[in-house]
């Protein structure tokens, strides 16, 4: 809008535009650079994306989205210490950031710090433990919805637990990996991917009976899951064996 441009011609006006941007439709420079930087990243134009996201960070160096995507670019370029810095800053500002959580985990593991990755994941999971589903507040049209971070934290509970399980699995701690997979499964009991992950974990732990049972349940939920048929064959589970049986403990 033309009046937005006029508003930003003074320092006070620019600050006011930033404060009222969401209410007025007046897009700030931060929003413009952030949106374009993410678009370029998704288009795999990483150099242009980095340049644009750095402009966003010049507007606000604590912006969680811009930091998360700069971290992803640094991770792709093996600039692991810079990636860790940006991911951690993103999580400090927005603990629900899926890009930052996944990126920080990968960065720490690649640096040979799986224990630190596990600690970071467990801290992130604890943040979401007491968060209730806020989406019902969206029905109140008289009050602006301001629970986006809580919503992402609530919806991210399953992914948090799967990440922790995979981190424990990487460390060879299969008991704790199984515990966190089961916690994820309690939240999403019909998720075929979680069921298959437990089956594959049991396979690695040399527990063929548990492996077959969870692979069977995964097949009942989604027979087309990539890699499932091969895993069933490796564990001596034929499709004809799938029908029947209960849910494992």
C-alpha atoms as a PDB file:
ATOM      1  CA  UNK A   1       0.000   0.000   0.000  1.00  0.00           C
ATOM      2  CA  UNK A   2       1.210   3.510  -0.763  1.00  0.00           C
ATOM      3  CA  UNK A   3       0.522   4.765   2.758  1.00  0.00           C
ATOM      4  CA  UNK A   4       2.727   1.971   4.133  1.00  0.00           C
ATOM      5  CA  UNK A   5       5.673   3.357   2.150  1.00  0.00           C
ATOM      6  CA  UNK A   6       4.985   6.858   3.484  1.00  0.00           C
ATOM      7  CA  UNK A   7       4.707   5.538   7.023  1.00  0.00           C
ATOM      8  CA  UNK A   8       8.165   3.979   6.791  1.00  0.00           C
ATOM      9  CA  UNK A   9       9.899   7.162   5.692  1.00  0.00           C
ATOM     10  CA  UNK A  10      10.606   8.128   9.329  1.00  0.00           C
ATOM     11  CA  UNK A  11      12.151   6.077  12.111  1.00  0.00           C
ATOM     12  CA  UNK A  12       9.031   6.385  14.257  1.00  0.00           C
ATOM     13  CA  UNK A  13       6.875   5.495  11.305  1.00  0.00           C
ATOM     14  CA  UNK A  14       8.934   2.401  10.529  1.00  0.00           C
ATOM     15  CA  UNK A  15       8.616   1.229  14.126  1.00  0.00           C
ATOM     16  CA  UNK A  16       4.869   1.803  14.023  1.00  0.00           C
ATOM     17  CA  UNK A  17       4.612  -0.081  10.736  1.00  0.00           C
ATOM     18  CA  UNK A  18       6.454  -3.036  12.256  1.00  0.00           C
ATOM     19  CA  UNK A  19       4.137  -3.065  15.269  1.00  0.00           C
ATOM     20  CA  UNK A  20       0.946  -2.795  13.240  1.00  0.00           C
ATOM     21  CA  UNK A  21       1.976  -4.886  10.250  1.00  0.00           C
ATOM     22  CA  UNK A  22      -0.235  -7.872  11.038  1.00  0.00           C
ATOM     23  CA  UNK A  23      -3.249  -5.663  11.735  1.00  0.00           C
ATOM     24  CA  UNK A  24      -2.905  -3.358   8.749  1.00  0.00           C
ATOM     25  CA  UNK A  25      -1.528  -5.609   6.024  1.00  0.00           C
ATOM     26  CA  UNK A  26       1.597  -3.441   5.893  1.00  0.00           C
ATOM     27  CA  UNK A  27       4.431  -5.898   5.194  1.00  0.00           C
ATOM     28  CA  UNK A  28       7.674  -5.071   6.989  1.00  0.00           C
ATOM     29  CA  UNK A  29      11.108  -5.492   5.451  1.00  0.00           C
ATOM     30  CA  UNK A  30      11.707  -8.394   7.832  1.00  0.00           C
ATOM     31  CA  UNK A  31       8.589 -10.196   6.616  1.00  0.00           C
ATOM     32  CA  UNK A  32       9.410  -9.501   2.985  1.00  0.00           C
ATOM     33  CA  UNK A  33      13.003 -10.766   3.197  1.00  0.00           C
ATOM     34  CA  UNK A  34      12.046 -13.752   5.349  1.00  0.00           C
ATOM     35  CA  UNK A  35       9.298 -14.893   2.995  1.00  0.00           C
ATOM     36  CA  UNK A  36      11.483 -14.481  -0.080  1.00  0.00           C
ATOM     37  CA  UNK A  37      14.420 -16.233   1.600  1.00  0.00           C
ATOM     38  CA  UNK A  38      12.303 -19.255   2.491  1.00  0.00           C
ATOM     39  CA  UNK A  39      10.858 -19.331  -1.036  1.00  0.00           C
ATOM     40  CA  UNK A  40      14.343 -19.346  -2.525  1.00  0.00           C
ATOM     41  CA  UNK A  41      15.436 -22.078  -0.128  1.00  0.00           C
ATOM     42  CA  UNK A  42      12.511 -24.279  -1.146  1.00  0.00           C
ATOM     43  CA  UNK A  43      13.449 -23.596  -4.786  1.00  0.00           C
ATOM     44  CA  UNK A  44      16.966 -24.879  -3.959  1.00  0.00           C
ATOM     45  CA  UNK A  45      18.511 -21.500  -4.766  1.00  0.00           C
ATOM     46  CA  UNK A  46      20.619 -21.598  -1.638  1.00  0.00           C
ATOM     47  CA  UNK A  47      23.090 -18.763  -2.339  1.00  0.00           C
ATOM     48  CA  UNK A  48      20.293 -16.323  -3.144  1.00  0.00           C
ATOM     49  CA  UNK A  49      18.313 -17.582  -0.186  1.00  0.00           C
ATOM     50  CA  UNK A  50      21.226 -16.992   2.187  1.00  0.00           C
ATOM     51  CA  UNK A  51      21.763 -13.458   0.898  1.00  0.00           C
ATOM     52  CA  UNK A  52      18.076 -12.647   1.341  1.00  0.00           C
ATOM     53  CA  UNK A  53      17.793 -14.245   4.781  1.00  0.00           C
ATOM     54  CA  UNK A  54      20.838 -12.272   5.934  1.00  0.00           C
ATOM     55  CA  UNK A  55      18.934  -9.126   4.966  1.00  0.00           C
ATOM     56  CA  UNK A  56      16.095 -10.338   7.187  1.00  0.00           C
ATOM     57  CA  UNK A  57      18.546 -10.863  10.043  1.00  0.00           C
ATOM     58  CA  UNK A  58      19.812  -7.317   9.572  1.00  0.00           C
ATOM     59  CA  UNK A  59      16.250  -6.242  10.356  1.00  0.00           C
ATOM     60  CA  UNK A  60      16.030  -8.568  13.378  1.00  0.00           C
ATOM     61  CA  UNK A  61      18.987 -10.812  14.175  1.00  0.00           C
ATOM     62  CA  UNK A  62      16.845 -12.915  16.540  1.00  0.00           C
ATOM     63  CA  UNK A  63      14.153 -13.807  14.005  1.00  0.00           C
ATOM     64  CA  UNK A  64      13.620 -17.556  14.541  1.00  0.00           C
ATOM     65  CA  UNK A  65      12.509 -18.460  11.013  1.00  0.00           C
ATOM     66  CA  UNK A  66      15.402 -16.667   9.324  1.00  0.00           C
ATOM     67  CA  UNK A  67      17.911 -18.170  11.762  1.00  0.00           C
ATOM     68  CA  UNK A  68      16.515 -21.662  11.249  1.00  0.00           C
ATOM     69  CA  UNK A  69      16.816 -21.466   7.459  1.00  0.00           C
ATOM     70  CA  UNK A  70      20.287 -19.885   7.585  1.00  0.00           C
ATOM     71  CA  UNK A  71      21.197 -22.820   9.829  1.00  0.00           C
ATOM     72  CA  UNK A  72      19.868 -25.266   7.253  1.00  0.00           C
ATOM     73  CA  UNK A  73      21.997 -23.636   4.550  1.00  0.00           C
ATOM     74  CA  UNK A  74      25.066 -23.721   6.796  1.00  0.00           C
ATOM     75  CA  UNK A  75      24.373 -27.397   7.517  1.00  0.00           C
ATOM     76  CA  UNK A  76      24.219 -28.172   3.791  1.00  0.00           C
ATOM     77  CA  UNK A  77      27.572 -26.399   3.378  1.00  0.00           C
ATOM     78  CA  UNK A  78      29.158 -28.276   6.326  1.00  0.00           C
ATOM     79  CA  UNK A  79      29.551 -25.027   8.267  1.00  0.00           C
ATOM     80  CA  UNK A  80      28.512 -26.936  11.351  1.00  0.00           C
ATOM     81  CA  UNK A  81      29.445 -24.479  14.096  1.00  0.00           C
ATOM     82  CA  UNK A  82      27.600 -21.639  12.385  1.00  0.00           C
ATOM     83  CA  UNK A  83      24.633 -23.943  11.811  1.00  0.00           C
ATOM     84  CA  UNK A  84      24.568 -24.894  15.489  1.00  0.00           C
ATOM     85  CA  UNK A  85      24.614 -21.208  16.476  1.00  0.00           C
ATOM     86  CA  UNK A  86      21.679 -20.309  14.222  1.00  0.00           C
ATOM     87  CA  UNK A  87      19.595 -23.345  15.194  1.00  0.00           C
ATOM     88  CA  UNK A  88      20.114 -22.686  18.894  1.00  0.00           C
ATOM     89  CA  UNK A  89      19.178 -19.031  18.502  1.00  0.00           C
ATOM     90  CA  UNK A  90      16.053 -20.015  16.580  1.00  0.00           C
ATOM     91  CA  UNK A  91      15.018 -22.426  19.343  1.00  0.00           C
ATOM     92  CA  UNK A  92      15.665 -19.839  22.036  1.00  0.00           C
ATOM     93  CA  UNK A  93      13.147 -17.574  20.310  1.00  0.00           C
ATOM     94  CA  UNK A  94      10.711 -20.284  19.140  1.00  0.00           C
ATOM     95  CA  UNK A  95      11.038 -23.695  20.846  1.00  0.00           C
ATOM     96  CA  UNK A  96       8.429 -25.104  18.448  1.00  0.00           C
ATOM     97  CA  UNK A  97      10.589 -24.680  15.318  1.00  0.00           C
ATOM     98  CA  UNK A  98      10.670 -28.063  13.585  1.00  0.00           C
ATOM     99  CA  UNK A  99      13.401 -26.912  11.186  1.00  0.00           C
ATOM    100  CA  UNK A 100      15.635 -25.835  14.063  1.00  0.00           C
ATOM    101  CA  UNK A 101      15.046 -28.970  16.146  1.00  0.00           C
ATOM    102  CA  UNK A 102      15.771 -31.314  13.264  1.00  0.00           C
ATOM    103  CA  UNK A 103      18.688 -29.198  12.080  1.00  0.00           C
ATOM    104  CA  UNK A 104      20.311 -28.934  15.513  1.00  0.00           C
ATOM    105  CA  UNK A 105      20.063 -32.683  15.985  1.00  0.00           C
ATOM    106  CA  UNK A 106      21.715 -33.386  12.621  1.00  0.00           C
ATOM    107  CA  UNK A 107      24.395 -30.757  13.235  1.00  0.00           C
ATOM    108  CA  UNK A 108      25.388 -32.100  16.653  1.00  0.00           C
ATOM    109  CA  UNK A 109      25.424 -35.704  15.444  1.00  0.00           C
ATOM    110  CA  UNK A 110      27.646 -34.744  12.490  1.00  0.00           C
ATOM    111  CA  UNK A 111      30.010 -33.015  14.917  1.00  0.00           C
ATOM    112  CA  UNK A 112      30.289 -36.245  16.901  1.00  0.00           C
ATOM    113  CA  UNK A 113      28.132 -34.920  19.761  1.00  0.00           C
ATOM    114  CA  UNK A 114      25.172 -37.323  19.888  1.00  0.00           C
ATOM    115  CA  UNK A 115      24.888 -36.944  23.660  1.00  0.00           C
ATOM    116  CA  UNK A 116      24.466 -33.180  23.299  1.00  0.00           C
ATOM    117  CA  UNK A 117      21.902 -33.785  20.571  1.00  0.00           C
ATOM    118  CA  UNK A 118      19.990 -36.061  22.914  1.00  0.00           C
ATOM    119  CA  UNK A 119      20.132 -33.503  25.737  1.00  0.00           C
ATOM    120  CA  UNK A 120      18.811 -30.791  23.415  1.00  0.00           C
ATOM    121  CA  UNK A 121      15.967 -33.026  22.229  1.00  0.00           C
ATOM    122  CA  UNK A 122      14.935 -33.961  25.752  1.00  0.00           C
ATOM    123  CA  UNK A 123      14.928 -30.300  26.811  1.00  0.00           C
ATOM    124  CA  UNK A 124      12.758 -29.456  23.806  1.00  0.00           C
ATOM    125  CA  UNK A 125      10.347 -32.288  24.654  1.00  0.00           C
ATOM    126  CA  UNK A 126       9.997 -31.085  28.246  1.00  0.00           C
ATOM    127  CA  UNK A 127       8.988 -27.639  27.016  1.00  0.00           C
ATOM    128  CA  UNK A 128       5.957 -29.174  25.292  1.00  0.00           C
ATOM    129  CA  UNK A 129       4.934 -31.602  28.058  1.00  0.00           C
ATOM    130  CA  UNK A 130       2.472 -29.276  29.762  1.00  0.00           C
ATOM    131  CA  UNK A 131       1.144 -27.656  26.601  1.00  0.00           C
ATOM    132  CA  UNK A 132      -2.522 -28.340  25.915  1.00  0.00           C
ATOM    133  CA  UNK A 133      -4.096 -28.237  22.467  1.00  0.00           C
ATOM    134  CA  UNK A 134      -5.005 -24.546  21.968  1.00  0.00           C
ATOM    135  CA  UNK A 135      -6.779 -24.909  18.632  1.00  0.00           C
ATOM    136  CA  UNK A 136     -10.217 -24.597  20.197  1.00  0.00           C
ATOM    137  CA  UNK A 137      -9.457 -20.928  20.846  1.00  0.00           C
ATOM    138  CA  UNK A 138      -9.642 -20.314  17.097  1.00  0.00           C
ATOM    139  CA  UNK A 139     -13.438 -20.486  17.351  1.00  0.00           C
ATOM    140  CA  UNK A 140     -13.514 -17.249  19.355  1.00  0.00           C
ATOM    141  CA  UNK A 141     -13.580 -14.711  16.540  1.00  0.00           C
ATOM    142  CA  UNK A 142     -13.711 -11.782  19.000  1.00  0.00           C
ATOM    143  CA  UNK A 143     -10.210 -12.456  20.328  1.00  0.00           C
ATOM    144  CA  UNK A 144      -7.117 -12.627  18.058  1.00  0.00           C
ATOM    145  CA  UNK A 145      -5.523 -16.080  18.015  1.00  0.00           C
ATOM    146  CA  UNK A 146      -2.038 -15.765  19.518  1.00  0.00           C
ATOM    147  CA  UNK A 147      -1.242 -19.393  20.365  1.00  0.00           C
ATOM    148  CA  UNK A 148       0.670 -20.356  17.220  1.00  0.00           C
ATOM    149  CA  UNK A 149       3.780 -21.436  19.142  1.00  0.00           C
ATOM    150  CA  UNK A 150       1.741 -23.465  21.645  1.00  0.00           C
ATOM    151  CA  UNK A 151      -0.099 -25.100  18.740  1.00  0.00           C
ATOM    152  CA  UNK A 152       3.166 -26.093  17.059  1.00  0.00           C
ATOM    153  CA  UNK A 153       4.557 -27.350  20.379  1.00  0.00           C
ATOM    154  CA  UNK A 154       1.467 -29.496  20.918  1.00  0.00           C
ATOM    155  CA  UNK A 155       1.497 -30.892  17.382  1.00  0.00           C
ATOM    156  CA  UNK A 156       5.260 -31.449  17.603  1.00  0.00           C
ATOM    157  CA  UNK A 157       5.086 -33.731  20.645  1.00  0.00           C
ATOM    158  CA  UNK A 158       5.093 -36.871  18.500  1.00  0.00           C
ATOM    159  CA  UNK A 159       8.015 -35.718  16.348  1.00  0.00           C
ATOM    160  CA  UNK A 160       9.972 -34.734  19.466  1.00  0.00           C
ATOM    161  CA  UNK A 161       9.659 -38.224  20.896  1.00  0.00           C
ATOM    162  CA  UNK A 162      10.535 -39.891  17.601  1.00  0.00           C
ATOM    163  CA  UNK A 163      13.679 -37.748  17.336  1.00  0.00           C
ATOM    164  CA  UNK A 164      14.705 -38.746  20.858  1.00  0.00           C
ATOM    165  CA  UNK A 165      14.043 -42.404  20.073  1.00  0.00           C
ATOM    166  CA  UNK A 166      16.191 -42.209  16.943  1.00  0.00           C
ATOM    167  CA  UNK A 167      18.977 -40.468  18.877  1.00  0.00           C
ATOM    168  CA  UNK A 168      18.980 -43.253  21.483  1.00  0.00           C
ATOM    169  CA  UNK A 169      18.903 -45.805  18.678  1.00  0.00           C
ATOM    170  CA  UNK A 170      21.964 -44.175  17.124  1.00  0.00           C
ATOM    171  CA  UNK A 171      23.736 -44.444  20.493  1.00  0.00           C
ATOM    172  CA  UNK A 172      22.844 -48.151  20.706  1.00  0.00           C
ATOM    173  CA  UNK A 173      20.539 -47.616  23.699  1.00  0.00           C
ATOM    174  CA  UNK A 174      17.650 -49.693  22.403  1.00  0.00           C
ATOM    175  CA  UNK A 175      15.714 -49.801  25.685  1.00  0.00           C
ATOM    176  CA  UNK A 176      15.362 -46.024  25.878  1.00  0.00           C
ATOM    177  CA  UNK A 177      14.718 -45.845  22.132  1.00  0.00           C
ATOM    178  CA  UNK A 178      11.836 -48.288  22.554  1.00  0.00           C
ATOM    179  CA  UNK A 179      10.482 -46.242  25.497  1.00  0.00           C
ATOM    180  CA  UNK A 180      10.314 -43.042  23.443  1.00  0.00           C
ATOM    181  CA  UNK A 181       8.842 -44.772  20.401  1.00  0.00           C
ATOM    182  CA  UNK A 182       6.121 -46.114  22.692  1.00  0.00           C
ATOM    183  CA  UNK A 183       5.490 -42.601  24.042  1.00  0.00           C
ATOM    184  CA  UNK A 184       5.083 -41.376  20.483  1.00  0.00           C
ATOM    185  CA  UNK A 185       2.767 -44.280  19.749  1.00  0.00           C
ATOM    186  CA  UNK A 186       0.543 -43.370  22.715  1.00  0.00           C
ATOM    187  CA  UNK A 187       0.007 -39.971  21.107  1.00  0.00           C
ATOM    188  CA  UNK A 188      -0.507 -41.397  17.589  1.00  0.00           C
ATOM    189  CA  UNK A 189      -1.604 -45.032  18.043  1.00  0.00           C
ATOM    190  CA  UNK A 190      -2.486 -45.508  14.369  1.00  0.00           C
ATOM    191  CA  UNK A 191       0.762 -44.187  12.918  1.00  0.00           C
ATOM    192  CA  UNK A 192       2.168 -46.924  10.680  1.00  0.00           C
ATOM    193  CA  UNK A 193       5.573 -45.223  10.508  1.00  0.00           C
ATOM    194  CA  UNK A 194       6.029 -45.406  14.281  1.00  0.00           C
ATOM    195  CA  UNK A 195       4.931 -49.035  14.331  1.00  0.00           C
ATOM    196  CA  UNK A 196       7.419 -49.859  11.599  1.00  0.00           C
ATOM    197  CA  UNK A 197      10.199 -47.984  13.414  1.00  0.00           C
ATOM    198  CA  UNK A 198       9.588 -50.090  16.515  1.00  0.00           C
ATOM    199  CA  UNK A 199       9.656 -53.223  14.387  1.00  0.00           C
ATOM    200  CA  UNK A 200      12.963 -52.217  12.807  1.00  0.00           C
ATOM    201  CA  UNK A 201      14.370 -51.364  16.239  1.00  0.00           C
ATOM    202  CA  UNK A 202      13.376 -54.810  17.486  1.00  0.00           C
ATOM    203  CA  UNK A 203      15.097 -56.319  14.434  1.00  0.00           C
ATOM    204  CA  UNK A 204      18.310 -54.486  15.297  1.00  0.00           C
ATOM    205  CA  UNK A 205      17.973 -55.606  18.916  1.00  0.00           C
ATOM    206  CA  UNK A 206      17.714 -59.263  17.784  1.00  0.00           C
ATOM    207  CA  UNK A 207      14.144 -59.617  19.001  1.00  0.00           C
ATOM    208  CA  UNK A 208      12.427 -61.272  16.013  1.00  0.00           C
ATOM    209  CA  UNK A 209       9.123 -61.916  17.767  1.00  0.00           C
ATOM    210  CA  UNK A 210       8.645 -58.243  18.657  1.00  0.00           C
ATOM    211  CA  UNK A 211       9.881 -57.203  15.202  1.00  0.00           C
ATOM    212  CA  UNK A 212       7.299 -59.387  13.440  1.00  0.00           C
ATOM    213  CA  UNK A 213       4.474 -58.199  15.676  1.00  0.00           C
ATOM    214  CA  UNK A 214       5.072 -54.485  15.109  1.00  0.00           C
ATOM    215  CA  UNK A 215       5.727 -54.962  11.410  1.00  0.00           C
ATOM    216  CA  UNK A 216       2.430 -56.843  11.206  1.00  0.00           C
ATOM    217  CA  UNK A 217       0.617 -53.947  12.880  1.00  0.00           C
ATOM    218  CA  UNK A 218       2.303 -51.468  10.554  1.00  0.00           C
ATOM    219  CA  UNK A 219       1.154 -53.501   7.553  1.00  0.00           C
ATOM    220  CA  UNK A 220      -2.433 -53.479   8.828  1.00  0.00           C
ATOM    221  CA  UNK A 221      -2.324 -49.677   9.056  1.00  0.00           C
ATOM    222  CA  UNK A 222      -0.490 -48.977   5.777  1.00  0.00           C
ATOM    223  CA  UNK A 223       0.538 -51.932   3.584  1.00  0.00           C
ATOM    224  CA  UNK A 224       2.189 -49.582   1.082  1.00  0.00           C
ATOM    225  CA  UNK A 225       4.669 -48.086   3.548  1.00  0.00           C
ATOM    226  CA  UNK A 226       8.088 -47.885   1.809  1.00  0.00           C
ATOM    227  CA  UNK A 227      10.472 -50.601   2.984  1.00  0.00           C
ATOM    228  CA  UNK A 228       7.835 -52.464   4.968  1.00  0.00           C
ATOM    229  CA  UNK A 229       7.481 -55.496   2.683  1.00  0.00           C
ATOM    230  CA  UNK A 230      11.260 -55.985   2.591  1.00  0.00           C
ATOM    231  CA  UNK A 231      11.449 -55.735   6.387  1.00  0.00           C
ATOM    232  CA  UNK A 232       8.663 -58.304   6.732  1.00  0.00           C
ATOM    233  CA  UNK A 233      10.491 -60.676   4.392  1.00  0.00           C
ATOM    234  CA  UNK A 234      13.756 -60.297   6.329  1.00  0.00           C
ATOM    235  CA  UNK A 235      11.947 -61.171   9.533  1.00  0.00           C
ATOM    236  CA  UNK A 236      10.104 -64.184   8.132  1.00  0.00           C
ATOM    237  CA  UNK A 237       6.681 -62.542   8.107  1.00  0.00           C
ATOM    238  CA  UNK A 238       4.487 -63.418   5.142  1.00  0.00           C
ATOM    239  CA  UNK A 239       1.450 -61.381   4.168  1.00  0.00           C
ATOM    240  CA  UNK A 240      -0.663 -64.476   4.860  1.00  0.00           C
ATOM    241  CA  UNK A 241       0.562 -64.300   8.471  1.00  0.00           C
ATOM    242  CA  UNK A 242      -0.648 -60.755   8.971  1.00  0.00           C
ATOM    243  CA  UNK A 243      -4.318 -61.463   9.638  1.00  0.00           C
ATOM    244  CA  UNK A 244      -5.101 -62.193  13.287  1.00  0.00           C
ATOM    245  CA  UNK A 245      -3.296 -61.490  16.516  1.00  0.00           C
ATOM    246  CA  UNK A 246      -3.616 -58.660  19.014  1.00  0.00           C
ATOM    247  CA  UNK A 247      -1.683 -55.557  19.930  1.00  0.00           C
ATOM    248  CA  UNK A 248       1.659 -56.112  21.661  1.00  0.00           C
ATOM    249  CA  UNK A 249       2.416 -54.809  25.112  1.00  0.00           C
END
